[in-house]
PDB file of all heavy atoms in Angstrom:
ATOM      1  N   ASP A   1     -87.031  90.109 112.157  1.00  0.00           N
ATOM      2  CA  ASP A   1     -85.867  91.135 112.140  1.00  0.00           C
ATOM      3  C   ASP A   1     -86.255  92.523 112.480  1.00  0.00           C
ATOM      4  O   ASP A   1     -85.542  93.184 113.135  1.00  0.00           O
ATOM      5  CB  ASP A   1     -85.099  90.987 110.808  1.00  0.00           C
ATOM      6  CG  ASP A   1     -84.486  89.597 110.637  1.00  0.00           C
ATOM      7  OD1 ASP A   1     -84.326  88.836 111.642  1.00  0.00           O
ATOM      8  OD2 ASP A   1     -84.168  89.301 109.441  1.00  0.00           O
ATOM      9  N   GLY A   2     -87.389  92.960 111.937  1.00  0.00           N
ATOM     10  CA  GLY A   2     -87.799  94.379 112.097  1.00  0.00           C
ATOM     11  C   GLY A   2     -88.050  94.699 113.506  1.00  0.00           C
ATOM     12  O   GLY A   2     -87.669  95.740 114.082  1.00  0.00           O
ATOM     13  N   GLU A   3     -88.719  93.770 114.275  1.00  0.00           N
ATOM     14  CA  GLU A   3     -89.063  93.970 115.696  1.00  0.00           C
ATOM     15  C   GLU A   3     -87.796  93.960 116.531  1.00  0.00           C
ATOM     16  O   GLU A   3     -87.550  94.764 117.451  1.00  0.00           O
ATOM     17  CB  GLU A   3     -90.036  92.989 116.167  1.00  0.00           C
ATOM     18  CG  GLU A   3     -91.452  93.081 115.668  1.00  0.00           C
ATOM     19  CD  GLU A   3     -91.609  92.640 114.205  1.00  0.00           C
ATOM     20  OE1 GLU A   3     -90.887  91.689 113.773  1.00  0.00           O
ATOM     21  OE2 GLU A   3     -92.362  93.317 113.477  1.00  0.00           O
ATOM     22  N   ALA A   4     -86.858  93.075 116.126  1.00  0.00           N
ATOM     23  CA  ALA A   4     -85.624  92.999 116.949  1.00  0.00           C
ATOM     24  C   ALA A   4     -84.836  94.217 116.680  1.00  0.00           C
ATOM     25  O   ALA A   4     -84.198  94.794 117.586  1.00  0.00           O
ATOM     26  CB  ALA A   4     -84.792  91.697 116.461  1.00  0.00           C
ATOM     27  N   ALA A   5     -84.748  94.732 115.471  1.00  0.00           N
ATOM     28  CA  ALA A   5     -83.940  95.942 115.091  1.00  0.00           C
ATOM     29  C   ALA A   5     -84.531  97.107 115.808  1.00  0.00           C
ATOM     30  O   ALA A   5     -83.829  97.990 116.308  1.00  0.00           O
ATOM     31  CB  ALA A   5     -83.979  96.123 113.597  1.00  0.00           C
ATOM     32  N   LEU A   6     -85.882  97.241 115.854  1.00  0.00           N
ATOM     33  CA  LEU A   6     -86.476  98.300 116.520  1.00  0.00           C
ATOM     34  C   LEU A   6     -86.141  98.391 118.012  1.00  0.00           C
ATOM     35  O   LEU A   6     -85.792  99.423 118.489  1.00  0.00           O
ATOM     36  CB  LEU A   6     -88.032  98.199 116.363  1.00  0.00           C
ATOM     37  CG  LEU A   6     -88.934  99.162 117.178  1.00  0.00           C
ATOM     38  CD1 LEU A   6     -88.630 100.718 116.739  1.00  0.00           C
ATOM     39  CD2 LEU A   6     -90.314  98.882 117.088  1.00  0.00           C
ATOM     40  N   LEU A   7     -86.265  97.220 118.640  1.00  0.00           N
ATOM     41  CA  LEU A   7     -85.996  97.143 120.172  1.00  0.00           C
ATOM     42  C   LEU A   7     -84.519  97.492 120.393  1.00  0.00           C
ATOM     43  O   LEU A   7     -84.220  98.305 121.253  1.00  0.00           O
ATOM     44  CB  LEU A   7     -86.297  95.801 120.630  1.00  0.00           C
ATOM     45  CG  LEU A   7     -86.114  95.582 122.151  1.00  0.00           C
ATOM     46  CD1 LEU A   7     -87.101  96.491 122.896  1.00  0.00           C
ATOM     47  CD2 LEU A   7     -86.401  94.125 122.517  1.00  0.00           C
ATOM     48  N   LYS A   8     -83.600  96.923 119.546  1.00  0.00           N
ATOM     49  CA  LYS A   8     -82.186  97.228 119.802  1.00  0.00           C
ATOM     50  C   LYS A   8     -81.900  98.666 119.541  1.00  0.00           C
ATOM     51  O   LYS A   8     -81.135  99.252 120.239  1.00  0.00           O
ATOM     52  CB  LYS A   8     -81.407  96.346 118.797  1.00  0.00           C
ATOM     53  CG  LYS A   8     -79.903  96.316 119.155  1.00  0.00           C
ATOM     54  CD  LYS A   8     -79.182  95.221 118.374  1.00  0.00           C
ATOM     55  CE  LYS A   8     -77.679  95.174 118.840  1.00  0.00           C
ATOM     56  NZ  LYS A   8     -76.962  94.058 118.167  1.00  0.00           N
ATOM     57  N   SER A   9     -82.508  99.298 118.517  1.00  0.00           N
ATOM     58  CA  SER A   9     -82.263 100.631 118.243  1.00  0.00           C
ATOM     59  C   SER A   9     -82.744 101.586 119.376  1.00  0.00           C
ATOM     60  O   SER A   9     -82.031 102.483 119.866  1.00  0.00           O
ATOM     61  CB  SER A   9     -83.016 101.074 116.928  1.00  0.00           C
ATOM     62  OG  SER A   9     -82.949 102.509 116.725  1.00  0.00           O
ATOM     63  N   LEU A  10     -83.932 101.363 119.930  1.00  0.00           N
ATOM     64  CA  LEU A  10     -84.403 102.099 120.983  1.00  0.00           C
ATOM     65  C   LEU A  10     -83.580 101.951 122.297  1.00  0.00           C
ATOM     66  O   LEU A  10     -83.277 102.925 122.969  1.00  0.00           O
ATOM     67  CB  LEU A  10     -85.862 101.687 121.331  1.00  0.00           C
ATOM     68  CG  LEU A  10     -86.946 102.057 120.301  1.00  0.00           C
ATOM     69  CD1 LEU A  10     -88.258 101.507 120.646  1.00  0.00           C
ATOM     70  CD2 LEU A  10     -87.045 103.609 120.250  1.00  0.00           C
ATOM     71  N   LEU A  11     -83.209 100.767 122.551  1.00  0.00           N
ATOM     72  CA  LEU A  11     -82.421 100.569 123.829  1.00  0.00           C
ATOM     73  C   LEU A  11     -81.042 100.849 123.757  1.00  0.00           C
ATOM     74  O   LEU A  11     -80.272 100.903 124.800  1.00  0.00           O
ATOM     75  CB  LEU A  11     -82.621  99.074 124.261  1.00  0.00           C
ATOM     76  CG  LEU A  11     -84.085  98.673 124.669  1.00  0.00           C
ATOM     77  CD1 LEU A  11     -84.196  97.208 124.987  1.00  0.00           C
ATOM     78  CD2 LEU A  11     -84.610  99.493 125.734  1.00  0.00           C
ATOM     79  N   SER A  12     -80.390 101.048 122.572  1.00  0.00           N
ATOM     80  CA  SER A  12     -79.022 101.338 122.486  1.00  0.00           C
ATOM     81  C   SER A  12     -78.665 102.631 123.221  1.00  0.00           C
ATOM     82  O   SER A  12     -77.540 102.893 123.621  1.00  0.00           O
ATOM     83  CB  SER A  12     -78.608 101.489 120.985  1.00  0.00           C
ATOM     84  OG  SER A  12     -79.322 102.485 120.362  1.00  0.00           O
ATOM     85  N   SER A  13     -79.662 103.490 123.408  1.00  0.00           N
ATOM     86  CA  SER A  13     -79.408 104.821 124.108  1.00  0.00           C
ATOM     87  C   SER A  13     -79.165 104.508 125.626  1.00  0.00           C
ATOM     88  O   SER A  13     -78.807 105.355 126.339  1.00  0.00           O
ATOM     89  CB  SER A  13     -80.526 105.826 123.907  1.00  0.00           C
ATOM     90  OG  SER A  13     -81.704 105.247 124.272  1.00  0.00           O
ATOM     91  N   CYS A  14     -79.598 103.334 126.090  1.00  0.00           N
ATOM     92  CA  CYS A  14     -79.458 102.980 127.473  1.00  0.00           C
ATOM     93  C   CYS A  14     -78.156 102.154 127.889  1.00  0.00           C
ATOM     94  O   CYS A  14     -78.012 101.757 128.955  1.00  0.00           O
ATOM     95  CB  CYS A  14     -80.746 102.160 127.952  1.00  0.00           C
ATOM     96  SG  CYS A  14     -82.208 103.076 127.833  1.00  0.00           S
ATOM     97  N   GLY A  15     -77.452 101.843 126.818  1.00  0.00           N
ATOM     98  CA  GLY A  15     -76.247 101.067 126.969  1.00  0.00           C
ATOM     99  C   GLY A  15     -76.018  99.984 125.893  1.00  0.00           C
ATOM    100  O   GLY A  15     -76.515 100.053 124.809  1.00  0.00           O
ATOM    101  N   LEU A  16     -75.281  98.925 126.354  1.00  0.00           N
ATOM    102  CA  LEU A  16     -75.060  97.743 125.421  1.00  0.00           C
ATOM    103  C   LEU A  16     -76.309  96.884 125.312  1.00  0.00           C
ATOM    104  O   LEU A  16     -76.953  96.597 126.374  1.00  0.00           O
ATOM    105  CB  LEU A  16     -73.884  97.006 126.094  1.00  0.00           C
ATOM    106  CG  LEU A  16     -73.547  95.672 125.307  1.00  0.00           C
ATOM    107  CD1 LEU A  16     -72.840  96.030 123.879  1.00  0.00           C
ATOM    108  CD2 LEU A  16     -72.618  94.890 126.159  1.00  0.00           C
ATOM    109  N   CYS A  17     -76.654  96.614 124.133  1.00  0.00           N
ATOM    110  CA  CYS A  17     -77.931  95.749 123.944  1.00  0.00           C
ATOM    111  C   CYS A  17     -77.607  94.762 122.901  1.00  0.00           C
ATOM    112  O   CYS A  17     -77.185  95.037 121.773  1.00  0.00           O
ATOM    113  CB  CYS A  17     -79.141  96.632 123.436  1.00  0.00           C
ATOM    114  SG  CYS A  17     -80.637  95.780 123.273  1.00  0.00           S
ATOM    115  N   GLU A  18     -77.735  93.441 123.265  1.00  0.00           N
ATOM    116  CA  GLU A  18     -77.434  92.311 122.461  1.00  0.00           C
ATOM    117  C   GLU A  18     -78.627  91.310 122.269  1.00  0.00           C
ATOM    118  O   GLU A  18     -79.273  91.091 123.364  1.00  0.00           O
ATOM    119  CB  GLU A  18     -76.196  91.549 122.970  1.00  0.00           C
ATOM    120  CG  GLU A  18     -74.949  92.380 123.095  1.00  0.00           C
ATOM    121  CD  GLU A  18     -74.209  92.544 121.802  1.00  0.00           C
ATOM    122  OE1 GLU A  18     -74.601  91.941 120.750  1.00  0.00           O
ATOM    123  OE2 GLU A  18     -73.216  93.306 121.707  1.00  0.00           O
ATOM    124  N   GLU A  19     -78.857  90.803 121.124  1.00  0.00           N
ATOM    125  CA  GLU A  19     -79.765  89.760 120.915  1.00  0.00           C
ATOM    126  C   GLU A  19     -79.096  88.403 121.206  1.00  0.00           C
ATOM    127  O   GLU A  19     -78.044  88.156 120.706  1.00  0.00           O
ATOM    128  CB  GLU A  19     -80.475  89.764 119.606  1.00  0.00           C
ATOM    129  CG  GLU A  19     -81.410  88.707 119.384  1.00  0.00           C
ATOM    130  CD  GLU A  19     -82.156  88.666 118.022  1.00  0.00           C
ATOM    131  OE1 GLU A  19     -81.817  89.494 117.261  1.00  0.00           O
ATOM    132  OE2 GLU A  19     -83.073  87.833 117.884  1.00  0.00           O
ATOM    133  N   VAL A  20     -79.741  87.568 122.035  1.00  0.00           N
ATOM    134  CA  VAL A  20     -79.128  86.296 122.365  1.00  0.00           C
ATOM    135  C   VAL A  20     -80.163  85.182 122.377  1.00  0.00           C
ATOM    136  O   VAL A  20     -81.402  85.459 122.375  1.00  0.00           O
ATOM    137  CB  VAL A  20     -78.500  86.422 123.856  1.00  0.00           C
ATOM    138  CG1 VAL A  20     -77.441  87.423 123.891  1.00  0.00           C
ATOM    139  CG2 VAL A  20     -79.653  86.651 124.833  1.00  0.00           C
ATOM    140  N   PRO A  21     -79.682  83.928 122.357  1.00  0.00           N
ATOM    141  CA  PRO A  21     -80.692  82.788 122.593  1.00  0.00           C
ATOM    142  C   PRO A  21     -81.278  82.968 123.969  1.00  0.00           C
ATOM    143  O   PRO A  21     -80.657  83.496 124.837  1.00  0.00           O
ATOM    144  CB  PRO A  21     -79.838  81.520 122.472  1.00  0.00           C
ATOM    145  CG  PRO A  21     -78.581  81.954 121.799  1.00  0.00           C
ATOM    146  CD  PRO A  21     -78.355  83.448 122.131  1.00  0.00           C
ATOM    147  N   GLU A  22     -82.575  82.521 124.101  1.00  0.00           N
ATOM    148  CA  GLU A  22     -83.223  82.664 125.312  1.00  0.00           C
ATOM    149  C   GLU A  22     -82.522  81.978 126.559  1.00  0.00           C
ATOM    150  O   GLU A  22     -82.565  82.442 127.653  1.00  0.00           O
ATOM    151  CB  GLU A  22     -84.712  82.137 125.263  1.00  0.00           C
ATOM    152  CG  GLU A  22     -85.446  82.505 126.558  1.00  0.00           C
ATOM    153  CD  GLU A  22     -86.902  82.045 126.453  1.00  0.00           C
ATOM    154  OE1 GLU A  22     -87.306  81.176 125.652  1.00  0.00           O
ATOM    155  OE2 GLU A  22     -87.798  82.618 127.209  1.00  0.00           O
ATOM    156  N   SER A  23     -81.798  80.870 126.237  1.00  0.00           N
ATOM    157  CA  SER A  23     -81.061  80.175 127.307  1.00  0.00           C
ATOM    158  C   SER A  23     -79.958  81.046 127.961  1.00  0.00           C
ATOM    159  O   SER A  23     -79.510  80.747 128.981  1.00  0.00           O
ATOM    160  CB  SER A  23     -80.426  78.922 126.758  1.00  0.00           C
ATOM    161  OG  SER A  23     -79.505  79.199 125.664  1.00  0.00           O
ATOM    162  N   TYR A  24     -79.539  82.138 127.310  1.00  0.00           N
ATOM    163  CA  TYR A  24     -78.512  83.017 127.880  1.00  0.00           C
ATOM    164  C   TYR A  24     -79.108  83.992 128.780  1.00  0.00           C
ATOM    165  O   TYR A  24     -78.367  84.691 129.574  1.00  0.00           O
ATOM    166  CB  TYR A  24     -77.840  83.777 126.757  1.00  0.00           C
ATOM    167  CG  TYR A  24     -76.943  83.034 125.822  1.00  0.00           C
ATOM    168  CD1 TYR A  24     -76.886  81.620 125.890  1.00  0.00           C
ATOM    169  CD2 TYR A  24     -76.187  83.643 124.847  1.00  0.00           C
ATOM    170  CE1 TYR A  24     -75.987  80.916 125.057  1.00  0.00           C
ATOM    171  CE2 TYR A  24     -75.354  82.937 123.965  1.00  0.00           C
ATOM    172  CZ  TYR A  24     -75.330  81.574 124.080  1.00  0.00           C
ATOM    173  OH  TYR A  24     -74.510  80.948 123.242  1.00  0.00           O
ATOM    174  N   ILE A  25     -80.460  84.160 128.956  1.00  0.00           N
ATOM    175  CA  ILE A  25     -81.022  85.251 129.688  1.00  0.00           C
ATOM    176  C   ILE A  25     -80.749  85.050 131.202  1.00  0.00           C
ATOM    177  O   ILE A  25     -80.466  85.942 131.856  1.00  0.00           O
ATOM    178  CB  ILE A  25     -82.530  85.410 129.402  1.00  0.00           C
ATOM    179  CG1 ILE A  25     -82.667  86.048 127.984  1.00  0.00           C
ATOM    180  CG2 ILE A  25     -83.233  86.270 130.398  1.00  0.00           C
ATOM    181  CD1 ILE A  25     -84.118  86.360 127.627  1.00  0.00           C
ATOM    182  N   ASN A  26     -80.872  83.807 131.694  1.00  0.00           N
ATOM    183  CA  ASN A  26     -80.662  83.585 133.087  1.00  0.00           C
ATOM    184  C   ASN A  26     -79.097  83.730 133.387  1.00  0.00           C
ATOM    185  O   ASN A  26     -78.869  84.137 134.459  1.00  0.00           O
ATOM    186  CB  ASN A  26     -81.147  82.192 133.466  1.00  0.00           C
ATOM    187  CG  ASN A  26     -82.573  82.095 133.568  1.00  0.00           C
ATOM    188  OD1 ASN A  26     -83.333  83.016 133.906  1.00  0.00           O
ATOM    189  ND2 ASN A  26     -83.198  80.882 133.403  1.00  0.00           N
ATOM    190  N   ILE A  27     -78.310  83.388 132.401  1.00  0.00           N
ATOM    191  CA  ILE A  27     -76.869  83.529 132.578  1.00  0.00           C
ATOM    192  C   ILE A  27     -76.524  85.121 132.698  1.00  0.00           C
ATOM    193  O   ILE A  27     -75.713  85.487 133.510  1.00  0.00           O
ATOM    194  CB  ILE A  27     -76.092  82.959 131.443  1.00  0.00           C
ATOM    195  CG1 ILE A  27     -76.290  81.507 131.330  1.00  0.00           C
ATOM    196  CG2 ILE A  27     -74.537  83.145 131.619  1.00  0.00           C
ATOM    197  CD1 ILE A  27     -75.785  80.745 130.111  1.00  0.00           C
ATOM    198  N   HIS A  28     -77.243  85.908 131.818  1.00  0.00           N
ATOM    199  CA  HIS A  28     -77.045  87.259 131.838  1.00  0.00           C
ATOM    200  C   HIS A  28     -77.495  87.857 133.233  1.00  0.00           C
ATOM    201  O   HIS A  28     -76.819  88.796 133.793  1.00  0.00           O
ATOM    202  CB  HIS A  28     -77.882  87.916 130.849  1.00  0.00           C
ATOM    203  CG  HIS A  28     -77.974  89.504 130.917  1.00  0.00           C
ATOM    204  ND1 HIS A  28     -76.920  90.311 130.503  1.00  0.00           N
ATOM    205  CD2 HIS A  28     -78.918  90.331 131.358  1.00  0.00           C
ATOM    206  CE1 HIS A  28     -77.205  91.544 130.676  1.00  0.00           C
ATOM    207  NE2 HIS A  28     -78.421  91.513 131.179  1.00  0.00           N
ATOM    208  N   THR A  29     -78.496  87.336 133.819  1.00  0.00           N
ATOM    209  CA  THR A  29     -78.959  87.670 135.159  1.00  0.00           C
ATOM    210  C   THR A  29     -77.862  87.439 136.183  1.00  0.00           C
ATOM    211  O   THR A  29     -77.509  88.273 136.999  1.00  0.00           O
ATOM    212  CB  THR A  29     -80.159  86.959 135.580  1.00  0.00           C
ATOM    213  OG1 THR A  29     -81.244  87.215 134.644  1.00  0.00           O
ATOM    214  CG2 THR A  29     -80.687  87.340 137.048  1.00  0.00           C
ATOM    215  N   GLY A  30     -77.157  86.268 136.101  1.00  0.00           N
ATOM    216  CA  GLY A  30     -76.088  86.006 137.010  1.00  0.00           C
ATOM    217  C   GLY A  30     -74.808  86.773 136.755  1.00  0.00           C
ATOM    218  O   GLY A  30     -74.064  87.165 137.661  1.00  0.00           O
ATOM    219  N   LEU A  31     -74.608  87.113 135.526  1.00  0.00           N
ATOM    220  CA  LEU A  31     -73.376  87.880 135.088  1.00  0.00           C
ATOM    221  C   LEU A  31     -73.548  89.310 135.317  1.00  0.00           C
ATOM    222  O   LEU A  31     -72.625  90.038 135.890  1.00  0.00           O
ATOM    223  CB  LEU A  31     -73.136  87.589 133.608  1.00  0.00           C
ATOM    224  CG  LEU A  31     -71.993  88.461 132.906  1.00  0.00           C
ATOM    225  CD1 LEU A  31     -70.626  88.317 133.584  1.00  0.00           C
ATOM    226  CD2 LEU A  31     -72.040  88.135 131.402  1.00  0.00           C
ATOM    227  N   SER A  32     -74.609  89.861 134.875  1.00  0.00           N
ATOM    228  CA  SER A  32     -74.753  91.315 134.784  1.00  0.00           C
ATOM    229  C   SER A  32     -75.846  91.889 135.705  1.00  0.00           C
ATOM    230  O   SER A  32     -75.627  92.957 136.350  1.00  0.00           O
ATOM    231  CB  SER A  32     -75.003  91.808 133.292  1.00  0.00           C
ATOM    232  OG  SER A  32     -75.010  93.158 133.263  1.00  0.00           O
ATOM    233  N   GLY A  33     -76.973  91.265 135.608  1.00  0.00           N
ATOM    234  CA  GLY A  33     -78.088  91.765 136.505  1.00  0.00           C
ATOM    235  C   GLY A  33     -77.707  91.750 138.051  1.00  0.00           C
ATOM    236  O   GLY A  33     -77.712  92.701 138.701  1.00  0.00           O
ATOM    237  N   SER A  34     -77.266  90.675 138.422  1.00  0.00           N
ATOM    238  CA  SER A  34     -76.691  90.510 139.873  1.00  0.00           C
ATOM    239  C   SER A  34     -75.299  90.952 139.890  1.00  0.00           C
ATOM    240  O   SER A  34     -74.812  91.440 140.935  1.00  0.00           O
ATOM    241  CB  SER A  34     -76.806  89.052 140.380  1.00  0.00           C
ATOM    242  OG  SER A  34     -78.126  88.620 140.406  1.00  0.00           O
ATOM    243  N   GLY A  35     -74.579  90.811 138.820  1.00  0.00           N
ATOM    244  CA  GLY A  35     -73.127  91.270 138.758  1.00  0.00           C
ATOM    245  C   GLY A  35     -72.825  92.680 139.123  1.00  0.00           C
ATOM    246  O   GLY A  35     -71.760  92.937 139.692  1.00  0.00           O
ATOM    247  N   VAL A  36     -73.747  93.551 138.985  1.00  0.00           N
ATOM    248  CA  VAL A  36     -73.602  94.910 139.436  1.00  0.00           C
ATOM    249  C   VAL A  36     -73.253  94.991 140.969  1.00  0.00           C
ATOM    250  O   VAL A  36     -72.419  95.750 141.347  1.00  0.00           O
ATOM    251  CB  VAL A  36     -74.867  95.767 139.125  1.00  0.00           C
ATOM    252  CG1 VAL A  36     -74.753  97.178 139.637  1.00  0.00           C
ATOM    253  CG2 VAL A  36     -75.094  95.836 137.605  1.00  0.00           C
ATOM    254  N   ALA A  37     -73.984  94.136 141.677  1.00  0.00           N
ATOM    255  CA  ALA A  37     -73.716  94.038 143.105  1.00  0.00           C
ATOM    256  C   ALA A  37     -72.354  93.555 143.408  1.00  0.00           C
ATOM    257  O   ALA A  37     -71.715  93.952 144.389  1.00  0.00           O
ATOM    258  CB  ALA A  37     -74.770  93.258 143.782  1.00  0.00           C
ATOM    259  N   TYR A  38     -71.873  92.590 142.660  1.00  0.00           N
ATOM    260  CA  TYR A  38     -70.509  92.085 142.943  1.00  0.00           C
ATOM    261  C   TYR A  38     -69.479  93.164 142.735  1.00  0.00           C
ATOM    262  O   TYR A  38     -68.492  93.330 143.499  1.00  0.00           O
ATOM    263  CB  TYR A  38     -70.094  90.947 141.953  1.00  0.00           C
ATOM    264  CG  TYR A  38     -71.187  89.868 141.645  1.00  0.00           C
ATOM    265  CD1 TYR A  38     -71.007  89.248 140.405  1.00  0.00           C
ATOM    266  CD2 TYR A  38     -72.234  89.635 142.436  1.00  0.00           C
ATOM    267  CE1 TYR A  38     -72.074  88.266 140.033  1.00  0.00           C
ATOM    268  CE2 TYR A  38     -73.219  88.741 142.065  1.00  0.00           C
ATOM    269  CZ  TYR A  38     -73.012  88.061 140.855  1.00  0.00           C
ATOM    270  OH  TYR A  38     -73.993  87.056 140.516  1.00  0.00           O
ATOM    271  N   VAL A  39     -69.661  94.023 141.693  1.00  0.00           N
ATOM    272  CA  VAL A  39     -68.810  95.113 141.423  1.00  0.00           C
ATOM    273  C   VAL A  39     -68.876  96.129 142.509  1.00  0.00           C
ATOM    274  O   VAL A  39     -67.732  96.670 142.919  1.00  0.00           O
ATOM    275  CB  VAL A  39     -69.104  95.774 140.060  1.00  0.00           C
ATOM    276  CG1 VAL A  39     -68.285  97.020 139.746  1.00  0.00           C
ATOM    277  CG2 VAL A  39     -68.880  94.764 138.922  1.00  0.00           C
ATOM    278  N   TYR A  40     -70.002  96.433 142.989  1.00  0.00           N
ATOM    279  CA  TYR A  40     -70.085  97.349 144.165  1.00  0.00           C
ATOM    280  C   TYR A  40     -69.329  96.837 145.410  1.00  0.00           C
ATOM    281  O   TYR A  40     -68.710  97.608 146.113  1.00  0.00           O
ATOM    282  CB  TYR A  40     -71.535  97.652 144.484  1.00  0.00           C
ATOM    283  CG  TYR A  40     -72.311  98.471 143.532  1.00  0.00           C
ATOM    284  CD1 TYR A  40     -73.728  98.125 143.309  1.00  0.00           C
ATOM    285  CD2 TYR A  40     -71.769  99.404 142.734  1.00  0.00           C
ATOM    286  CE1 TYR A  40     -74.396  98.894 142.322  1.00  0.00           C
ATOM    287  CE2 TYR A  40     -72.422 100.174 141.814  1.00  0.00           C
ATOM    288  CZ  TYR A  40     -73.795  99.910 141.538  1.00  0.00           C
ATOM    289  OH  TYR A  40     -74.522 100.588 140.694  1.00  0.00           O
ATOM    290  N   LEU A  41     -69.492  95.592 145.601  1.00  0.00           N
ATOM    291  CA  LEU A  41     -68.748  95.012 146.710  1.00  0.00           C
ATOM    292  C   LEU A  41     -67.225  95.132 146.586  1.00  0.00           C
ATOM    293  O   LEU A  41     -66.468  95.447 147.502  1.00  0.00           O
ATOM    294  CB  LEU A  41     -69.135  93.428 146.934  1.00  0.00           C
ATOM    295  CG  LEU A  41     -68.552  92.734 148.095  1.00  0.00           C
ATOM    296  CD1 LEU A  41     -69.064  93.305 149.440  1.00  0.00           C
ATOM    297  CD2 LEU A  41     -68.980  91.259 148.039  1.00  0.00           C
ATOM    298  N   PHE A  42     -66.721  94.863 145.340  1.00  0.00           N
ATOM    299  CA  PHE A  42     -65.346  94.998 145.028  1.00  0.00           C
ATOM    300  C   PHE A  42     -64.900  96.455 145.103  1.00  0.00           C
ATOM    301  O   PHE A  42     -63.888  96.733 145.716  1.00  0.00           O
ATOM    302  CB  PHE A  42     -65.085  94.426 143.569  1.00  0.00           C
ATOM    303  CG  PHE A  42     -63.660  94.432 143.221  1.00  0.00           C
ATOM    304  CD1 PHE A  42     -62.695  93.576 143.756  1.00  0.00           C
ATOM    305  CD2 PHE A  42     -63.153  95.356 142.296  1.00  0.00           C
ATOM    306  CE1 PHE A  42     -61.383  93.585 143.464  1.00  0.00           C
ATOM    307  CE2 PHE A  42     -61.766  95.454 141.944  1.00  0.00           C
ATOM    308  CZ  PHE A  42     -60.933  94.473 142.487  1.00  0.00           C
ATOM    309  N   ALA A  43     -65.716  97.366 144.672  1.00  0.00           N
ATOM    310  CA  ALA A  43     -65.448  98.782 144.733  1.00  0.00           C
ATOM    311  C   ALA A  43     -65.303  99.273 146.209  1.00  0.00           C
ATOM    312  O   ALA A  43     -64.358  99.989 146.599  1.00  0.00           O
ATOM    313  CB  ALA A  43     -66.412  99.619 144.104  1.00  0.00           C
ATOM    314  N   GLU A  44     -66.192  98.634 147.004  1.00  0.00           N
ATOM    315  CA  GLU A  44     -66.217  99.023 148.488  1.00  0.00           C
ATOM    316  C   GLU A  44     -64.924  98.515 149.102  1.00  0.00           C
ATOM    317  O   GLU A  44     -64.232  99.204 149.938  1.00  0.00           O
ATOM    318  CB  GLU A  44     -67.371  98.255 149.119  1.00  0.00           C
ATOM    319  CG  GLU A  44     -67.470  98.626 150.590  1.00  0.00           C
ATOM    320  CD  GLU A  44     -68.680  97.952 151.228  1.00  0.00           C
ATOM    321  OE1 GLU A  44     -69.336  97.005 150.616  1.00  0.00           O
ATOM    322  OE2 GLU A  44     -69.011  98.256 152.426  1.00  0.00           O
ATOM    323  N   ALA A  45     -64.522  97.250 148.731  1.00  0.00           N
ATOM    324  CA  ALA A  45     -63.297  96.680 149.293  1.00  0.00           C
ATOM    325  C   ALA A  45     -62.003  97.479 148.854  1.00  0.00           C
ATOM    326  O   ALA A  45     -61.123  97.711 149.639  1.00  0.00           O
ATOM    327  CB  ALA A  45     -63.111  95.233 148.843  1.00  0.00           C
TER     328      ALA A  45
END
């Protein structure tokens, strides 16, 4: 818990930071990592 709390505290200054099961990490890539590009495409349109 201490290591998780430290990482979350440090990264909170960079935006939203959530602890998740590892199986969610690839979903996060599809949703948010790549999702930024979907939003740029929508903004362009």
